[in-house]
Amino acid sequence: IFKEMPERNIVSWNSMLSTYVLNE
């Protein structure tokens, strides 16, 4: 989803970062 988003804001980046952290 993140990769295919035409527009990203800081919330998008932080959400993806949190995803990786949460899923170890």
mmCIF file of all heavy atoms, coordinates in Angstrom:
data_MODEL
# 
_entry.id   MODEL 
# 
loop_
_atom_site.group_PDB 
_atom_site.id 
_atom_site.type_symbol 
_atom_site.label_atom_id 
_atom_site.label_alt_id 
_atom_site.label_comp_id 
_atom_site.label_asym_id 
_atom_site.label_entity_id 
_atom_site.label_seq_id 
_atom_site.pdbx_PDB_ins_code 
_atom_site.Cartn_x 
_atom_site.Cartn_y 
_atom_site.Cartn_z 
_atom_site.occupancy 
_atom_site.B_iso_or_equiv 
_atom_site.pdbx_formal_charge 
_atom_site.auth_seq_id 
_atom_site.auth_comp_id 
_atom_site.auth_asym_id 
_atom_site.auth_atom_id 
_atom_site.pdbx_PDB_model_num 
ATOM 1   N N   . ILE A 1 1  ? 0.848  -1.200  0.000  1.00 0.00 ? 1  ILE A N   1 
ATOM 2   C CA  . ILE A 1 1  ? 0.000  0.000   0.000  1.00 0.00 ? 1  ILE A CA  1 
ATOM 3   C C   . ILE A 1 1  ? 0.881  1.248   0.000  1.00 0.00 ? 1  ILE A C   1 
ATOM 4   O O   . ILE A 1 1  ? 0.673  2.187   -0.781 1.00 0.00 ? 1  ILE A O   1 
ATOM 5   C CB  . ILE A 1 1  ? -0.922 0.014   1.243  1.00 0.00 ? 1  ILE A CB  1 
ATOM 6   C CG1 . ILE A 1 1  ? -1.858 -1.186  1.250  1.00 0.00 ? 1  ILE A CG1 1 
ATOM 7   C CG2 . ILE A 1 1  ? -1.718 1.318   1.313  1.00 0.00 ? 1  ILE A CG2 1 
ATOM 8   C CD1 . ILE A 1 1  ? -2.859 -1.206  0.134  1.00 0.00 ? 1  ILE A CD1 1 
ATOM 9   N N   . PHE A 1 2  ? 1.875  1.241   0.890  1.00 0.00 ? 2  PHE A N   1 
ATOM 10  C CA  . PHE A 1 2  ? 2.774  2.396   1.031  1.00 0.00 ? 2  PHE A CA  1 
ATOM 11  C C   . PHE A 1 2  ? 3.493  2.694   -0.284 1.00 0.00 ? 2  PHE A C   1 
ATOM 12  O O   . PHE A 1 2  ? 3.584  3.847   -0.718 1.00 0.00 ? 2  PHE A O   1 
ATOM 13  C CB  . PHE A 1 2  ? 3.788  2.102   2.144  1.00 0.00 ? 2  PHE A CB  1 
ATOM 14  C CG  . PHE A 1 2  ? 4.840  3.160   2.318  1.00 0.00 ? 2  PHE A CG  1 
ATOM 15  C CD1 . PHE A 1 2  ? 4.574  4.329   3.009  1.00 0.00 ? 2  PHE A CD1 1 
ATOM 16  C CD2 . PHE A 1 2  ? 6.110  2.982   1.781  1.00 0.00 ? 2  PHE A CD2 1 
ATOM 17  C CE1 . PHE A 1 2  ? 5.538  5.309   3.166  1.00 0.00 ? 2  PHE A CE1 1 
ATOM 18  C CE2 . PHE A 1 2  ? 7.090  3.955   1.938  1.00 0.00 ? 2  PHE A CE2 1 
ATOM 19  C CZ  . PHE A 1 2  ? 6.795  5.121   2.635  1.00 0.00 ? 2  PHE A CZ  1 
ATOM 20  N N   . LYS A 1 3  ? 3.987  1.651   -0.925 1.00 0.00 ? 3  LYS A N   1 
ATOM 21  C CA  . LYS A 1 3  ? 4.769  1.807   -2.159 1.00 0.00 ? 3  LYS A CA  1 
ATOM 22  C C   . LYS A 1 3  ? 3.915  2.359   -3.300 1.00 0.00 ? 3  LYS A C   1 
ATOM 23  O O   . LYS A 1 3  ? 4.406  3.116   -4.138 1.00 0.00 ? 3  LYS A O   1 
ATOM 24  C CB  . LYS A 1 3  ? 5.369  0.449   -2.541 1.00 0.00 ? 3  LYS A CB  1 
ATOM 25  C CG  . LYS A 1 3  ? 6.378  0.504   -3.674 1.00 0.00 ? 3  LYS A CG  1 
ATOM 26  C CD  . LYS A 1 3  ? 7.087  -0.837  -3.843 1.00 0.00 ? 3  LYS A CD  1 
ATOM 27  C CE  . LYS A 1 3  ? 6.127  -1.929  -4.221 1.00 0.00 ? 3  LYS A CE  1 
ATOM 28  N NZ  . LYS A 1 3  ? 6.799  -3.214  -4.539 1.00 0.00 ? 3  LYS A NZ  1 
ATOM 29  N N   . GLU A 1 4  ? 2.622  1.990   -3.322 1.00 0.00 ? 4  GLU A N   1 
ATOM 30  C CA  . GLU A 1 4  ? 1.751  2.390   -4.435 1.00 0.00 ? 4  GLU A CA  1 
ATOM 31  C C   . GLU A 1 4  ? 1.031  3.709   -4.193 1.00 0.00 ? 4  GLU A C   1 
ATOM 32  O O   . GLU A 1 4  ? 0.271  4.159   -5.052 1.00 0.00 ? 4  GLU A O   1 
ATOM 33  C CB  . GLU A 1 4  ? 0.728  1.279   -4.694 1.00 0.00 ? 4  GLU A CB  1 
ATOM 34  C CG  . GLU A 1 4  ? 1.368  -0.012  -5.222 1.00 0.00 ? 4  GLU A CG  1 
ATOM 35  C CD  . GLU A 1 4  ? 0.366  -1.152  -5.369 1.00 0.00 ? 4  GLU A CD  1 
ATOM 36  O OE1 . GLU A 1 4  ? -0.810 -0.942  -4.961 1.00 0.00 ? 4  GLU A OE1 1 
ATOM 37  O OE2 . GLU A 1 4  ? 0.753  -2.221  -5.858 1.00 0.00 ? 4  GLU A OE2 1 
ATOM 38  N N   . MET A 1 5  ? 1.250  4.328   -3.023 1.00 0.00 ? 5  MET A N   1 
ATOM 39  C CA  . MET A 1 5  ? 0.573  5.601   -2.739 1.00 0.00 ? 5  MET A CA  1 
ATOM 40  C C   . MET A 1 5  ? 1.127  6.706   -3.640 1.00 0.00 ? 5  MET A C   1 
ATOM 41  O O   . MET A 1 5  ? 2.347  6.921   -3.667 1.00 0.00 ? 5  MET A O   1 
ATOM 42  C CB  . MET A 1 5  ? 0.753  5.996   -1.268 1.00 0.00 ? 5  MET A CB  1 
ATOM 43  C CG  . MET A 1 5  ? -0.040 5.150   -0.299 1.00 0.00 ? 5  MET A CG  1 
ATOM 44  S SD  . MET A 1 5  ? 0.317  5.542   1.438  1.00 0.00 ? 5  MET A SD  1 
ATOM 45  C CE  . MET A 1 5  ? -0.535 7.105   1.601  1.00 0.00 ? 5  MET A CE  1 
ATOM 46  N N   . PRO A 1 6  ? 0.275  7.429   -4.367 1.00 0.00 ? 6  PRO A N   1 
ATOM 47  C CA  . PRO A 1 6  ? 0.771  8.507   -5.228 1.00 0.00 ? 6  PRO A CA  1 
ATOM 48  C C   . PRO A 1 6  ? 1.273  9.702   -4.433 1.00 0.00 ? 6  PRO A C   1 
ATOM 49  O O   . PRO A 1 6  ? 2.109  10.460  -4.897 1.00 0.00 ? 6  PRO A O   1 
ATOM 50  C CB  . PRO A 1 6  ? -0.460 8.880   -6.066 1.00 0.00 ? 6  PRO A CB  1 
ATOM 51  C CG  . PRO A 1 6  ? -1.627 8.447   -5.248 1.00 0.00 ? 6  PRO A CG  1 
ATOM 52  C CD  . PRO A 1 6  ? -1.184 7.257   -4.468 1.00 0.00 ? 6  PRO A CD  1 
ATOM 53  N N   . GLU A 1 7  ? 0.732  9.846   -3.229 1.00 0.00 ? 7  GLU A N   1 
ATOM 54  C CA  . GLU A 1 7  ? 1.134  10.955  -2.365 1.00 0.00 ? 7  GLU A CA  1 
ATOM 55  C C   . GLU A 1 7  ? 1.343  10.416  -0.953 1.00 0.00 ? 7  GLU A C   1 
ATOM 56  O O   . GLU A 1 7  ? 0.545  9.616   -0.452 1.00 0.00 ? 7  GLU A O   1 
ATOM 57  C CB  . GLU A 1 7  ? 0.043  12.033  -2.348 1.00 0.00 ? 7  GLU A CB  1 
ATOM 58  C CG  . GLU A 1 7  ? 0.352  13.210  -1.447 1.00 0.00 ? 7  GLU A CG  1 
ATOM 59  C CD  . GLU A 1 7  ? -0.848 14.114  -1.243 1.00 0.00 ? 7  GLU A CD  1 
ATOM 60  O OE1 . GLU A 1 7  ? -1.906 13.855  -1.860 1.00 0.00 ? 7  GLU A OE1 1 
ATOM 61  O OE2 . GLU A 1 7  ? -0.730 15.062  -0.449 1.00 0.00 ? 7  GLU A OE2 1 
ATOM 62  N N   . ARG A 1 8  ? 2.424  10.837  -0.318 1.00 0.00 ? 8  ARG A N   1 
ATOM 63  C CA  . ARG A 1 8  ? 2.696  10.415  1.060  1.00 0.00 ? 8  ARG A CA  1 
ATOM 64  C C   . ARG A 1 8  ? 2.959  11.636  1.921  1.00 0.00 ? 8  ARG A C   1 
ATOM 65  O O   . ARG A 1 8  ? 3.588  12.582  1.468  1.00 0.00 ? 8  ARG A O   1 
ATOM 66  C CB  . ARG A 1 8  ? 3.931  9.503   1.136  1.00 0.00 ? 8  ARG A CB  1 
ATOM 67  C CG  . ARG A 1 8  ? 3.847  8.245   0.310  1.00 0.00 ? 8  ARG A CG  1 
ATOM 68  C CD  . ARG A 1 8  ? 5.080  7.372   0.547  1.00 0.00 ? 8  ARG A CD  1 
ATOM 69  N NE  . ARG A 1 8  ? 5.180  6.309   -0.446 1.00 0.00 ? 8  ARG A NE  1 
ATOM 70  C CZ  . ARG A 1 8  ? 6.152  6.172   -1.326 1.00 0.00 ? 8  ARG A CZ  1 
ATOM 71  N NH1 . ARG A 1 8  ? 7.143  7.052   -1.355 1.00 0.00 ? 8  ARG A NH1 1 
ATOM 72  N NH2 . ARG A 1 8  ? 6.162  5.167   -2.181 1.00 0.00 ? 8  ARG A NH2 1 
ATOM 73  N N   . ASN A 1 9  ? 2.513  11.584  3.169  1.00 0.00 ? 9  ASN A N   1 
ATOM 74  C CA  . ASN A 1 9  ? 2.891  12.615  4.128  1.00 0.00 ? 9  ASN A CA  1 
ATOM 75  C C   . ASN A 1 9  ? 3.670  11.955  5.258  1.00 0.00 ? 9  ASN A C   1 
ATOM 76  O O   . ASN A 1 9  ? 3.930  10.743  5.230  1.00 0.00 ? 9  ASN A O   1 
ATOM 77  C CB  . ASN A 1 9  ? 1.657  13.378  4.640  1.00 0.00 ? 9  ASN A CB  1 
ATOM 78  C CG  . ASN A 1 9  ? 0.660  12.459  5.339  1.00 0.00 ? 9  ASN A CG  1 
ATOM 79  O OD1 . ASN A 1 9  ? 0.911  11.274  5.541  1.00 0.00 ? 9  ASN A OD1 1 
ATOM 80  N ND2 . ASN A 1 9  ? -0.483 13.013  5.708  1.00 0.00 ? 9  ASN A ND2 1 
ATOM 81  N N   . ILE A 1 10 ? 4.028  12.727  6.271  1.00 0.00 ? 10 ILE A N   1 
ATOM 82  C CA  . ILE A 1 10 ? 4.851  12.188  7.361  1.00 0.00 ? 10 ILE A CA  1 
ATOM 83  C C   . ILE A 1 10 ? 4.111  11.080  8.107  1.00 0.00 ? 10 ILE A C   1 
ATOM 84  O O   . ILE A 1 10 ? 4.723  10.146  8.620  1.00 0.00 ? 10 ILE A O   1 
ATOM 85  C CB  . ILE A 1 10 ? 5.292  13.320  8.328  1.00 0.00 ? 10 ILE A CB  1 
ATOM 86  C CG1 . ILE A 1 10 ? 6.303  12.789  9.363  1.00 0.00 ? 10 ILE A CG1 1 
ATOM 87  C CG2 . ILE A 1 10 ? 4.101  13.963  9.010  1.00 0.00 ? 10 ILE A CG2 1 
ATOM 88  C CD1 . ILE A 1 10 ? 7.584  12.246  8.777  1.00 0.00 ? 10 ILE A CD1 1 
ATOM 89  N N   . VAL A 1 11 ? 2.763  11.165  8.131  1.00 0.00 ? 11 VAL A N   1 
ATOM 90  C CA  . VAL A 1 11 ? 1.972  10.107  8.776  1.00 0.00 ? 11 VAL A CA  1 
ATOM 91  C C   . VAL A 1 11 ? 2.166  8.786   8.036  1.00 0.00 ? 11 VAL A C   1 
ATOM 92  O O   . VAL A 1 11 ? 2.282  7.720   8.660  1.00 0.00 ? 11 VAL A O   1 
ATOM 93  C CB  . VAL A 1 11 ? 0.474  10.495  8.823  1.00 0.00 ? 11 VAL A CB  1 
ATOM 94  C CG1 . VAL A 1 11 ? -0.359 9.353   9.397  1.00 0.00 ? 11 VAL A CG1 1 
ATOM 95  C CG2 . VAL A 1 11 ? 0.266  11.764  9.629  1.00 0.00 ? 11 VAL A CG2 1 
ATOM 96  N N   . SER A 1 12 ? 2.230  8.836   6.713  1.00 0.00 ? 12 SER A N   1 
ATOM 97  C CA  . SER A 1 12 ? 2.443  7.621   5.907  1.00 0.00 ? 12 SER A CA  1 
ATOM 98  C C   . SER A 1 12 ? 3.784  6.980   6.249  1.00 0.00 ? 12 SER A C   1 
ATOM 99  O O   . SER A 1 12 ? 3.870  5.767   6.483  1.00 0.00 ? 12 SER A O   1 
ATOM 100 C CB  . SER A 1 12 ? 2.396  7.961   4.415  1.00 0.00 ? 12 SER A CB  1 
ATOM 101 O OG  . SER A 1 12 ? 1.334  8.817   4.094  1.00 0.00 ? 12 SER A OG  1 
ATOM 102 N N   . TRP A 1 13 ? 4.829  7.800   6.276  1.00 0.00 ? 13 TRP A N   1 
ATOM 103 C CA  . TRP A 1 13 ? 6.171  7.286   6.590  1.00 0.00 ? 13 TRP A CA  1 
ATOM 104 C C   . TRP A 1 13 ? 6.221  6.717   8.009  1.00 0.00 ? 13 TRP A C   1 
ATOM 105 O O   . TRP A 1 13 ? 6.759  5.628   8.232  1.00 0.00 ? 13 TRP A O   1 
ATOM 106 C CB  . TRP A 1 13 ? 7.214  8.389   6.433  1.00 0.00 ? 13 TRP A CB  1 
ATOM 107 C CG  . TRP A 1 13 ? 7.489  8.760   5.007  1.00 0.00 ? 13 TRP A CG  1 
ATOM 108 C CD1 . TRP A 1 13 ? 6.902  9.757   4.281  1.00 0.00 ? 13 TRP A CD1 1 
ATOM 109 C CD2 . TRP A 1 13 ? 8.431  8.132   4.114  1.00 0.00 ? 13 TRP A CD2 1 
ATOM 110 N NE1 . TRP A 1 13 ? 7.409  9.785   3.002  1.00 0.00 ? 13 TRP A NE1 1 
ATOM 111 C CE2 . TRP A 1 13 ? 8.355  8.811   2.869  1.00 0.00 ? 13 TRP A CE2 1 
ATOM 112 C CE3 . TRP A 1 13 ? 9.317  7.079   4.244  1.00 0.00 ? 13 TRP A CE3 1 
ATOM 113 C CZ2 . TRP A 1 13 ? 9.141  8.455   1.780  1.00 0.00 ? 13 TRP A CZ2 1 
ATOM 114 C CZ3 . TRP A 1 13 ? 10.108 6.715   3.149  1.00 0.00 ? 13 TRP A CZ3 1 
ATOM 115 C CH2 . TRP A 1 13 ? 10.014 7.398   1.938  1.00 0.00 ? 13 TRP A CH2 1 
ATOM 116 N N   . ASN A 1 14 ? 5.661  7.448   8.964  1.00 0.00 ? 14 ASN A N   1 
ATOM 117 C CA  . ASN A 1 14 ? 5.674  6.982   10.354 1.00 0.00 ? 14 ASN A CA  1 
ATOM 118 C C   . ASN A 1 14 ? 4.860  5.704   10.523 1.00 0.00 ? 14 ASN A C   1 
ATOM 119 O O   . ASN A 1 14 ? 5.239  4.810   11.294 1.00 0.00 ? 14 ASN A O   1 
ATOM 120 C CB  . ASN A 1 14 ? 5.142  8.072   11.288 1.00 0.00 ? 14 ASN A CB  1 
ATOM 121 C CG  . ASN A 1 14 ? 6.133  9.196   11.495 1.00 0.00 ? 14 ASN A CG  1 
ATOM 122 O OD1 . ASN A 1 14 ? 7.338  9.019   11.334 1.00 0.00 ? 14 ASN A OD1 1 
ATOM 123 N ND2 . ASN A 1 14 ? 5.642  10.366  11.840 1.00 0.00 ? 14 ASN A ND2 1 
ATOM 124 N N   . SER A 1 15 ? 3.733  5.617   9.809  1.00 0.00 ? 15 SER A N   1 
ATOM 125 C CA  . SER A 1 15 ? 2.900  4.407   9.887  1.00 0.00 ? 15 SER A CA  1 
ATOM 126 C C   . SER A 1 15 ? 3.659  3.194   9.370  1.00 0.00 ? 15 SER A C   1 
ATOM 127 O O   . SER A 1 15 ? 3.607  2.112   9.964  1.00 0.00 ? 15 SER A O   1 
ATOM 128 C CB  . SER A 1 15 ? 1.606  4.597   9.089  1.00 0.00 ? 15 SER A CB  1 
ATOM 129 O OG  . SER A 1 15 ? 0.817  5.614   9.634  1.00 0.00 ? 15 SER A OG  1 
ATOM 130 N N   . MET A 1 16 ? 4.378  3.363   8.268  1.00 0.00 ? 16 MET A N   1 
ATOM 131 C CA  . MET A 1 16 ? 5.143  2.256   7.712  1.00 0.00 ? 16 MET A CA  1 
ATOM 132 C C   . MET A 1 16 ? 6.302  1.878   8.623  1.00 0.00 ? 16 MET A C   1 
ATOM 133 O O   . MET A 1 16 ? 6.604  0.694   8.817  1.00 0.00 ? 16 MET A O   1 
ATOM 134 C CB  . MET A 1 16 ? 5.663  2.645   6.317  1.00 0.00 ? 16 MET A CB  1 
ATOM 135 C CG  . MET A 1 16 ? 6.163  1.449   5.495  1.00 0.00 ? 16 MET A CG  1 
ATOM 136 S SD  . MET A 1 16 ? 4.868  0.242   5.172  1.00 0.00 ? 16 MET A SD  1 
ATOM 137 C CE  . MET A 1 16 ? 5.605  -1.234  5.841  1.00 0.00 ? 16 MET A CE  1 
ATOM 138 N N   . LEU A 1 17 ? 6.926  2.895   9.201  1.00 0.00 ? 17 LEU A N   1 
ATOM 139 C CA  . LEU A 1 17 ? 8.022  2.648   10.139 1.00 0.00 ? 17 LEU A CA  1 
ATOM 140 C C   . LEU A 1 17 ? 7.510  1.889   11.358 1.00 0.00 ? 17 LEU A C   1 
ATOM 141 O O   . LEU A 1 17 ? 8.132  0.910   11.818 1.00 0.00 ? 17 LEU A O   1 
ATOM 142 C CB  . LEU A 1 17 ? 8.635  3.991   10.562 1.00 0.00 ? 17 LEU A CB  1 
ATOM 143 C CG  . LEU A 1 17 ? 10.078 4.005   11.075 1.00 0.00 ? 17 LEU A CG  1 
ATOM 144 C CD1 . LEU A 1 17 ? 11.034 3.387   10.067 1.00 0.00 ? 17 LEU A CD1 1 
ATOM 145 C CD2 . LEU A 1 17 ? 10.497 5.433   11.387 1.00 0.00 ? 17 LEU A CD2 1 
ATOM 146 N N   . SER A 1 18 ? 6.347  2.312   11.878 1.00 0.00 ? 18 SER A N   1 
ATOM 147 C CA  . SER A 1 18 ? 5.732  1.630   13.025 1.00 0.00 ? 18 SER A CA  1 
ATOM 148 C C   . SER A 1 18 ? 5.358  0.196   12.670 1.00 0.00 ? 18 SER A C   1 
ATOM 149 O O   . SER A 1 18 ? 5.440  -0.702  13.512 1.00 0.00 ? 18 SER A O   1 
ATOM 150 C CB  . SER A 1 18 ? 4.485  2.387   13.483 1.00 0.00 ? 18 SER A CB  1 
ATOM 151 O OG  . SER A 1 18 ? 4.801  3.682   13.915 1.00 0.00 ? 18 SER A OG  1 
ATOM 152 N N   . THR A 1 19 ? 4.941  -0.012  11.432 1.00 0.00 ? 19 THR A N   1 
ATOM 153 C CA  . THR A 1 19 ? 4.585  -1.362  10.980 1.00 0.00 ? 19 THR A CA  1 
ATOM 154 C C   . THR A 1 19 ? 5.774  -2.299  11.105 1.00 0.00 ? 19 THR A C   1 
ATOM 155 O O   . THR A 1 19 ? 5.655  -3.414  11.641 1.00 0.00 ? 19 THR A O   1 
ATOM 156 C CB  . THR A 1 19 ? 4.116  -1.324  9.510  1.00 0.00 ? 19 THR A CB  1 
ATOM 157 O OG1 . THR A 1 19 ? 2.961  -0.497  9.409  1.00 0.00 ? 19 THR A OG1 1 
ATOM 158 C CG2 . THR A 1 19 ? 3.787  -2.717  9.000  1.00 0.00 ? 19 THR A CG2 1 
ATOM 159 N N   . TYR A 1 20 ? 6.920  -1.863  10.620 1.00 0.00 ? 20 TYR A N   1 
ATOM 160 C CA  . TYR A 1 20 ? 8.116  -2.705  10.703 1.00 0.00 ? 20 TYR A CA  1 
ATOM 161 C C   . TYR A 1 20 ? 8.543  -2.938  12.148 1.00 0.00 ? 20 TYR A C   1 
ATOM 162 O O   . TYR A 1 20 ? 8.927  -4.048  12.522 1.00 0.00 ? 20 TYR A O   1 
ATOM 163 C CB  . TYR A 1 20 ? 9.258  -2.057  9.912  1.00 0.00 ? 20 TYR A CB  1 
ATOM 164 C CG  . TYR A 1 20 ? 9.155  -2.242  8.413  1.00 0.00 ? 20 TYR A CG  1 
ATOM 165 C CD1 . TYR A 1 20 ? 9.485  -1.216  7.530  1.00 0.00 ? 20 TYR A CD1 1 
ATOM 166 C CD2 . TYR A 1 20 ? 8.743  -3.451  7.871  1.00 0.00 ? 20 TYR A CD2 1 
ATOM 167 C CE1 . TYR A 1 20 ? 9.397  -1.384  6.155  1.00 0.00 ? 20 TYR A CE1 1 
ATOM 168 C CE2 . TYR A 1 20 ? 8.649  -3.634  6.498  1.00 0.00 ? 20 TYR A CE2 1 
ATOM 169 C CZ  . TYR A 1 20 ? 8.979  -2.596  5.648  1.00 0.00 ? 20 TYR A CZ  1 
ATOM 170 O OH  . TYR A 1 20 ? 8.888  -2.776  4.289  1.00 0.00 ? 20 TYR A OH  1 
ATOM 171 N N   . VAL A 1 21 ? 8.458  -1.902  12.966 1.00 0.00 ? 21 VAL A N   1 
ATOM 172 C CA  . VAL A 1 21 ? 8.850  -2.039  14.379 1.00 0.00 ? 21 VAL A CA  1 
ATOM 173 C C   . VAL A 1 21 ? 7.896  -2.987  15.086 1.00 0.00 ? 21 VAL A C   1 
ATOM 174 O O   . VAL A 1 21 ? 8.321  -3.887  15.822 1.00 0.00 ? 21 VAL A O   1 
ATOM 175 C CB  . VAL A 1 21 ? 8.868  -0.660  15.075 1.00 0.00 ? 21 VAL A CB  1 
ATOM 176 C CG1 . VAL A 1 21 ? 9.070  -0.822  16.576 1.00 0.00 ? 21 VAL A CG1 1 
ATOM 177 C CG2 . VAL A 1 21 ? 9.978  0.214   14.498 1.00 0.00 ? 21 VAL A CG2 1 
ATOM 178 N N   . LEU A 1 22 ? 6.579  -2.791  14.872 1.00 0.00 ? 22 LEU A N   1 
ATOM 179 C CA  . LEU A 1 22 ? 5.568  -3.619  15.533 1.00 0.00 ? 22 LEU A CA  1 
ATOM 180 C C   . LEU A 1 22 ? 5.694  -5.080  15.133 1.00 0.00 ? 22 LEU A C   1 
ATOM 181 O O   . LEU A 1 22 ? 5.491  -5.978  15.956 1.00 0.00 ? 22 LEU A O   1 
ATOM 182 C CB  . LEU A 1 22 ? 4.168  -3.094  15.173 1.00 0.00 ? 22 LEU A CB  1 
ATOM 183 C CG  . LEU A 1 22 ? 2.975  -3.795  15.815 1.00 0.00 ? 22 LEU A CG  1 
ATOM 184 C CD1 . LEU A 1 22 ? 2.956  -3.563  17.323 1.00 0.00 ? 22 LEU A CD1 1 
ATOM 185 C CD2 . LEU A 1 22 ? 1.676  -3.308  15.202 1.00 0.00 ? 22 LEU A CD2 1 
ATOM 186 N N   . ASN A 1 23 ? 6.044  -5.329  13.875 1.00 0.00 ? 23 ASN A N   1 
ATOM 187 C CA  . ASN A 1 23 ? 6.165  -6.705  13.386 1.00 0.00 ? 23 ASN A CA  1 
ATOM 188 C C   . ASN A 1 23 ? 7.592  -7.244  13.464 1.00 0.00 ? 23 ASN A C   1 
ATOM 189 O O   . ASN A 1 23 ? 7.912  -8.255  12.825 1.00 0.00 ? 23 ASN A O   1 
ATOM 190 C CB  . ASN A 1 23 ? 5.636  -6.780  11.951 1.00 0.00 ? 23 ASN A CB  1 
ATOM 191 C CG  . ASN A 1 23 ? 4.127  -6.600  11.867 1.00 0.00 ? 23 ASN A CG  1 
ATOM 192 O OD1 . ASN A 1 23 ? 3.375  -7.550  12.054 1.00 0.00 ? 23 ASN A OD1 1 
ATOM 193 N ND2 . ASN A 1 23 ? 3.677  -5.386  11.618 1.00 0.00 ? 23 ASN A ND2 1 
ATOM 194 N N   . GLU A 1 24 ? 8.436  -6.529  14.225 1.00 0.00 ? 24 GLU A N   1 
ATOM 195 C CA  . GLU A 1 24 ? 9.814  -6.959  14.517 1.00 0.00 ? 24 GLU A CA  1 
ATOM 196 C C   . GLU A 1 24 ? 10.644 -7.155  13.249 1.00 0.00 ? 24 GLU A C   1 
ATOM 197 O O   . GLU A 1 24 ? 11.485 -8.051  13.167 1.00 0.00 ? 24 GLU A O   1 
ATOM 198 C CB  . GLU A 1 24 ? 9.806  -8.235  15.360 1.00 0.00 ? 24 GLU A CB  1 
ATOM 199 C CG  . GLU A 1 24 ? 9.153  -8.036  16.725 1.00 0.00 ? 24 GLU A CG  1 
ATOM 200 C CD  . GLU A 1 24 ? 9.234  -9.257  17.612 1.00 0.00 ? 24 GLU A CD  1 
ATOM 201 O OE1 . GLU A 1 24 ? 9.701  -10.314 17.122 1.00 0.00 ? 24 GLU A OE1 1 
ATOM 202 O OE2 . GLU A 1 24 ? 8.858  -9.157  18.778 1.00 0.00 ? 24 GLU A OE2 1 
# 
